[in-house]
Protein backbone atom coordinates (compact mmCIF):
# COMPACT_ATOMS: atom_id res chain seq x y z
CA MET A 1 -6.89 -18.61 2.38
CA THR A 2 -8.98 -21.46 1.50
CA GLU A 3 -7.06 -22.54 -1.85
CA GLY A 4 -9.74 -21.61 -5.15
CA THR A 5 -11.09 -18.52 -3.35
CA ASN A 6 -9.73 -14.91 -4.04
CA ILE A 7 -10.32 -11.88 -2.43
CA PHE A 8 -11.03 -8.15 -4.21
CA PHE A 9 -13.12 -5.29 -3.80
CA CYS A 10 -15.53 -3.97 -6.33
CA SER A 11 -17.54 -0.74 -6.41
CA MET A 12 -16.80 -0.45 -2.19
CA GLU A 13 -17.68 -4.21 -1.21
CA ILE A 14 -14.48 -6.77 -0.99
CA VAL A 15 -16.16 -9.61 -2.44
CA SER A 16 -14.50 -13.38 -2.34
CA LEU A 17 -14.66 -15.24 -5.15
CA ALA A 18 -14.64 -19.30 -5.68
CA THR A 19 -13.17 -19.64 -8.96
CA SER A 20 -14.25 -23.58 -8.55
CA THR A 21 -17.52 -22.32 -9.46
CA GLY A 22 -17.69 -18.65 -9.87
CA ARG A 23 -19.60 -17.88 -7.40
CA TRP A 24 -19.26 -14.79 -5.00
CA SER A 25 -20.45 -13.08 -2.11
CA VAL A 26 -19.91 -10.30 0.07
CA VAL A 27 -17.36 -10.13 2.73
CA ALA A 28 -17.58 -6.57 3.44
CA LYS A 29 -18.11 -3.30 3.52
CA GLY A 30 -14.48 -1.13 2.20
CA MET A 31 -11.81 -1.06 -0.04
CA ARG A 32 -7.62 -1.26 -0.48
CA PRO A 33 -8.38 -5.10 0.90
CA SER A 34 -4.82 -6.77 1.83
CA ILE A 35 -4.63 -10.36 2.53
CA SER A 36 -2.14 -11.62 5.09
CA SER A 37 1.05 -13.90 3.65
CA ASP A 38 -0.19 -16.82 5.75
CA GLY A 39 -3.86 -16.66 4.32
CA LYS A 40 -5.71 -16.10 7.27
CA ARG A 41 -6.41 -12.55 7.74
CA LEU A 42 -7.70 -9.99 5.31
CA ALA A 43 -6.74 -6.50 6.15
CA TYR A 44 -9.05 -2.91 4.69
CA VAL A 45 -10.19 -0.05 5.24
CA GLY A 46 -13.75 0.43 6.51
CA LEU A 47 -16.07 3.05 5.48
CA GLY A 48 -16.97 5.95 7.14
CA GLY A 49 -20.01 6.79 5.69
CA GLY A 50 -18.88 8.27 2.28
CA THR A 51 -20.31 7.14 -0.20
CA ASP A 52 -18.53 6.86 -3.41
CA CYS A 53 -14.48 6.88 -3.79
CA THR A 54 -14.38 10.61 -2.97
CA GLN A 55 -15.39 10.18 0.40
CA SER A 56 -13.49 9.64 3.83
CA LEU A 57 -12.61 6.27 4.53
CA GLY A 58 -12.80 5.07 8.00
CA PRO A 59 -10.99 2.85 10.40
CA VAL A 60 -8.09 0.21 9.55
CA VAL A 61 -10.31 -3.07 9.40
CA VAL A 62 -8.85 -7.23 10.33
CA ARG A 63 -10.63 -9.47 9.69
CA GLU A 64 -10.19 -13.34 10.47
CA VAL A 65 -11.06 -14.80 7.04
CA ASP A 66 -11.73 -18.09 8.43
CA THR A 67 -14.24 -16.81 10.92
CA GLY A 68 -15.31 -13.62 10.41
CA ARG A 69 -13.72 -11.87 14.06
CA GLU A 70 -13.28 -8.70 12.96
CA ARG A 71 -10.74 -6.02 14.95
CA ARG A 72 -10.89 -2.67 14.13
CA TRP A 73 -8.05 0.91 14.51
CA THR A 74 -9.98 4.29 14.65
CA GLY A 75 -8.08 7.22 13.56
CA ARG A 76 -8.74 11.16 15.73
CA GLN A 77 -11.40 12.82 14.35
CA GLY A 78 -10.31 15.03 11.58
CA MET A 79 -12.22 17.61 9.51
CA ASP A 80 -13.55 14.72 7.49
CA GLY A 81 -13.89 12.31 10.09
CA PHE A 82 -11.27 10.95 9.78
CA GLU A 83 -7.95 12.22 10.18
CA GLY A 84 -6.14 11.31 7.06
CA ASP A 85 -6.86 8.75 4.74
CA ILE A 86 -5.79 5.50 4.39
CA MET A 87 -4.35 5.26 0.49
CA ARG A 88 -2.58 1.32 1.48
CA LEU A 89 -2.24 -0.93 3.48
CA ALA A 90 1.04 -4.00 2.72
CA TRP A 91 1.09 -7.16 4.95
CA SER A 92 4.07 -7.94 6.77
CA PRO A 93 5.61 -12.33 5.78
CA ASP A 94 4.96 -12.70 9.39
CA SER A 95 1.01 -11.91 9.06
CA VAL A 96 1.51 -9.79 12.26
CA HIS A 97 2.22 -6.20 10.90
CA LEU A 98 0.69 -3.63 8.58
CA ALA A 99 2.78 -0.96 6.72
CA ILE A 100 -0.28 1.87 6.33
CA GLN A 101 0.13 4.62 3.79
CA ARG A 102 -1.73 8.06 5.26
CA ASN A 103 -2.60 10.98 3.75
CA ILE A 104 -1.92 13.83 5.52
CA GLY A 105 -2.42 16.58 2.85
CA ASP A 106 -2.52 15.60 -0.76
CA PRO A 107 -0.06 14.78 -2.60
CA TYR A 108 1.53 14.02 0.98
CA TYR A 109 2.46 11.15 2.78
CA GLU A 110 3.39 8.86 5.83
CA ILE A 111 4.08 5.69 6.79
CA ARG A 112 3.05 3.75 9.49
CA ILE A 113 3.96 0.35 11.32
CA LEU A 114 0.45 -1.09 12.97
CA ASP A 115 1.05 -4.20 15.36
CA THR A 116 -2.07 -5.74 14.69
CA ARG A 117 -1.88 -7.50 18.26
CA LYS A 118 -2.56 -4.16 19.72
CA GLY A 119 -3.42 -0.97 20.15
CA GLU A 120 -7.11 0.54 19.13
CA ASP A 121 -5.69 4.10 17.02
CA VAL A 122 -4.11 4.26 14.18
CA LEU A 123 -2.44 7.28 14.79
CA ASP A 124 -0.47 5.41 17.99
CA ALA A 125 0.59 2.97 14.79
CA ARG A 126 4.95 3.60 14.74
CA LEU A 127 5.38 7.03 12.85
CA ILE A 128 8.65 5.65 10.25
CA SER A 129 8.56 8.30 7.40
CA PRO A 130 10.35 11.60 8.39
CA GLY A 131 8.01 15.00 8.50
CA THR A 132 10.25 16.45 5.82
CA GLU A 133 9.09 14.25 2.88
CA SER A 134 6.41 12.40 1.52
CA TRP A 135 6.54 8.15 1.25
CA ALA A 136 4.25 6.28 -0.51
CA GLN A 137 3.90 2.53 -1.60
CA PRO A 138 5.47 0.70 1.29
CA THR A 139 6.57 -2.71 0.38
CA TYR A 140 7.89 -5.59 2.87
CA LEU A 141 11.10 -6.81 1.41
CA ASP A 142 10.65 -9.60 4.89
CA ASP A 143 9.61 -8.64 8.65
CA HIS A 144 12.00 -6.61 9.54
CA SER A 145 12.78 -4.24 6.11
CA LEU A 146 10.22 -1.54 3.56
CA LEU A 147 10.80 -0.66 0.37
CA VAL A 148 9.12 2.72 0.08
CA ALA A 149 9.43 5.69 -2.74
CA SER A 150 10.27 8.89 -1.25
CA SER A 151 9.71 12.43 -2.80
CA GLY A 152 12.92 13.33 -1.64
CA SER A 153 13.55 17.31 -0.85
CA LYS A 154 11.48 19.72 -1.89
CA GLY A 155 11.87 21.38 -5.29
CA ASP A 156 14.40 19.06 -7.12
CA GLY A 157 11.54 19.03 -10.05
CA VAL A 158 10.42 16.19 -9.77
CA ASP A 159 6.84 15.29 -9.05
CA GLY A 160 5.74 12.98 -6.61
CA GLU A 161 7.42 10.25 -5.06
CA HIS A 162 10.60 8.79 -6.90
CA ILE A 163 13.67 7.79 -4.90
CA VAL A 164 13.25 4.28 -3.76
CA TYR A 165 14.75 3.36 0.38
CA SER A 166 15.10 0.36 1.85
CA ILE A 167 14.07 0.54 5.55
CA ASN A 168 15.82 -1.84 8.36
CA LEU A 169 12.80 -1.35 10.49
CA VAL A 170 15.01 -2.56 13.40
CA SER A 171 18.19 -0.07 12.76
CA SER A 172 15.32 2.94 11.52
CA ARG A 173 18.47 3.50 8.69
CA TRP A 174 17.33 3.69 5.60
CA ARG A 175 19.40 3.74 1.91
CA THR A 176 18.85 4.84 -1.83
CA ILE A 177 17.88 1.67 -4.08
CA VAL A 178 17.28 4.05 -7.54
CA ASP A 179 16.42 7.52 -8.07
CA LEU A 180 13.75 7.31 -10.79
CA PRO A 181 12.84 9.49 -13.54
CA ALA A 182 9.08 9.93 -12.36
CA GLY A 183 7.24 9.88 -9.46
CA VAL A 184 6.41 5.53 -9.05
CA THR A 185 2.71 4.10 -8.35
CA SER A 186 3.74 0.34 -7.40
CA LEU A 187 6.73 -0.90 -6.62
CA ASP A 188 8.59 -4.87 -6.27
CA PHE A 189 11.55 -6.56 -5.97
CA ASP A 190 11.74 -10.21 -6.75
CA GLU A 191 12.90 -13.20 -4.87
CA SER A 192 16.63 -12.40 -5.27
CA ARG A 193 16.01 -9.00 -4.35
CA GLU A 194 17.70 -7.85 -7.50
CA HIS A 195 15.62 -6.46 -9.38
CA LEU A 196 13.08 -4.17 -9.17
CA LEU A 197 9.95 -3.80 -11.15
CA ALA A 198 8.19 0.07 -10.91
CA VAL A 199 5.50 1.83 -12.74
CA SER A 200 5.08 5.41 -13.46
CA LEU A 201 3.36 7.91 -12.40
CA ASP A 202 1.36 10.01 -14.61
CA PHE A 203 -0.51 13.02 -13.33
CA THR A 204 -2.17 13.50 -16.36
CA LYS A 205 -4.50 10.42 -16.05
CA GLY A 206 -5.99 9.86 -12.91
CA ASP A 207 -2.56 9.23 -10.87
CA PHE A 208 -2.61 5.83 -12.69
CA GLY A 209 0.88 4.83 -14.99
CA ARG A 210 1.78 4.95 -18.15
CA ALA A 211 5.57 2.53 -18.33
CA VAL A 212 6.95 0.23 -16.38
CA TRP A 213 10.93 0.08 -15.39
CA VAL A 214 13.04 -2.64 -14.17
CA TRP A 215 15.47 -1.66 -12.10
CA HIS A 216 19.41 -3.84 -11.85
CA ASP A 217 22.50 -3.40 -10.22
CA GLY A 218 22.49 0.65 -11.61
CA ASP A 219 20.65 -0.08 -15.10
CA LEU A 220 16.97 1.01 -15.44
CA LYS A 221 15.10 -0.18 -18.19
CA THR A 222 11.68 0.08 -19.86
CA ILE A 223 10.28 -2.66 -20.36
CA VAL A 224 6.38 -0.71 -21.30
CA ASN A 225 5.83 3.32 -22.58
CA ASP A 226 3.35 4.75 -22.71
CA GLY A 227 0.79 2.26 -22.53
CA PRO A 228 -2.75 1.40 -21.42
CA VAL A 229 -3.59 2.89 -17.79
CA ILE A 230 -1.56 0.67 -14.85
CA GLN A 231 -1.58 -0.07 -12.10
CA GLY A 232 0.33 -2.17 -10.55
CA VAL A 233 3.26 -4.90 -11.31
CA TRP A 234 4.18 -7.71 -9.30
CA TRP A 235 6.51 -10.45 -10.17
CA ARG A 236 5.65 -14.20 -10.30
């Protein structure tokens, strides 16, 4: 991505903003934008004919930032025109794979790994989440491991995805990092992989967060409690 330029979405439009001049231009119609680690590719979810954010979304699109050339991955048609809305896209550090969080029956999510060098259908992408749990908030730790939040076993009394797993994408094995007191809407590890930031999920606030936790070596601390509506947090 060009230095001094940011890309974000507004009102179902993804726009490019030149921070030096304050000028912006529409890049695409869609939602869930995610810039690749090398800054050269923009992934987003295209529109499926809907008129607002409550409508089903369309294909996964990867756009070359410099040339505008696009590649699309569609979905097998479901009752709503697209079989499962895409809720989150996360790039791998090598800018090759996309972790896709897909709604397959609210509030149930699955995670697939899409190789952006091949394929045409999102549902042909590798499925890594088991059918017994809802997995959400995929965040790459490195090219071969992923951080996710899981709902755990049904009936455990906690709403949302609250158990944080680290998944080895080569061996398909996962291990528990921490079991949080509530579901989360955002996760991020620092560069040392020792400190985890998490935003709690509050269903009374439209699925956005109200508390922020920091976890380190088995110790969970609350750094924001009942604050303003929070959608995400990141280490810098």
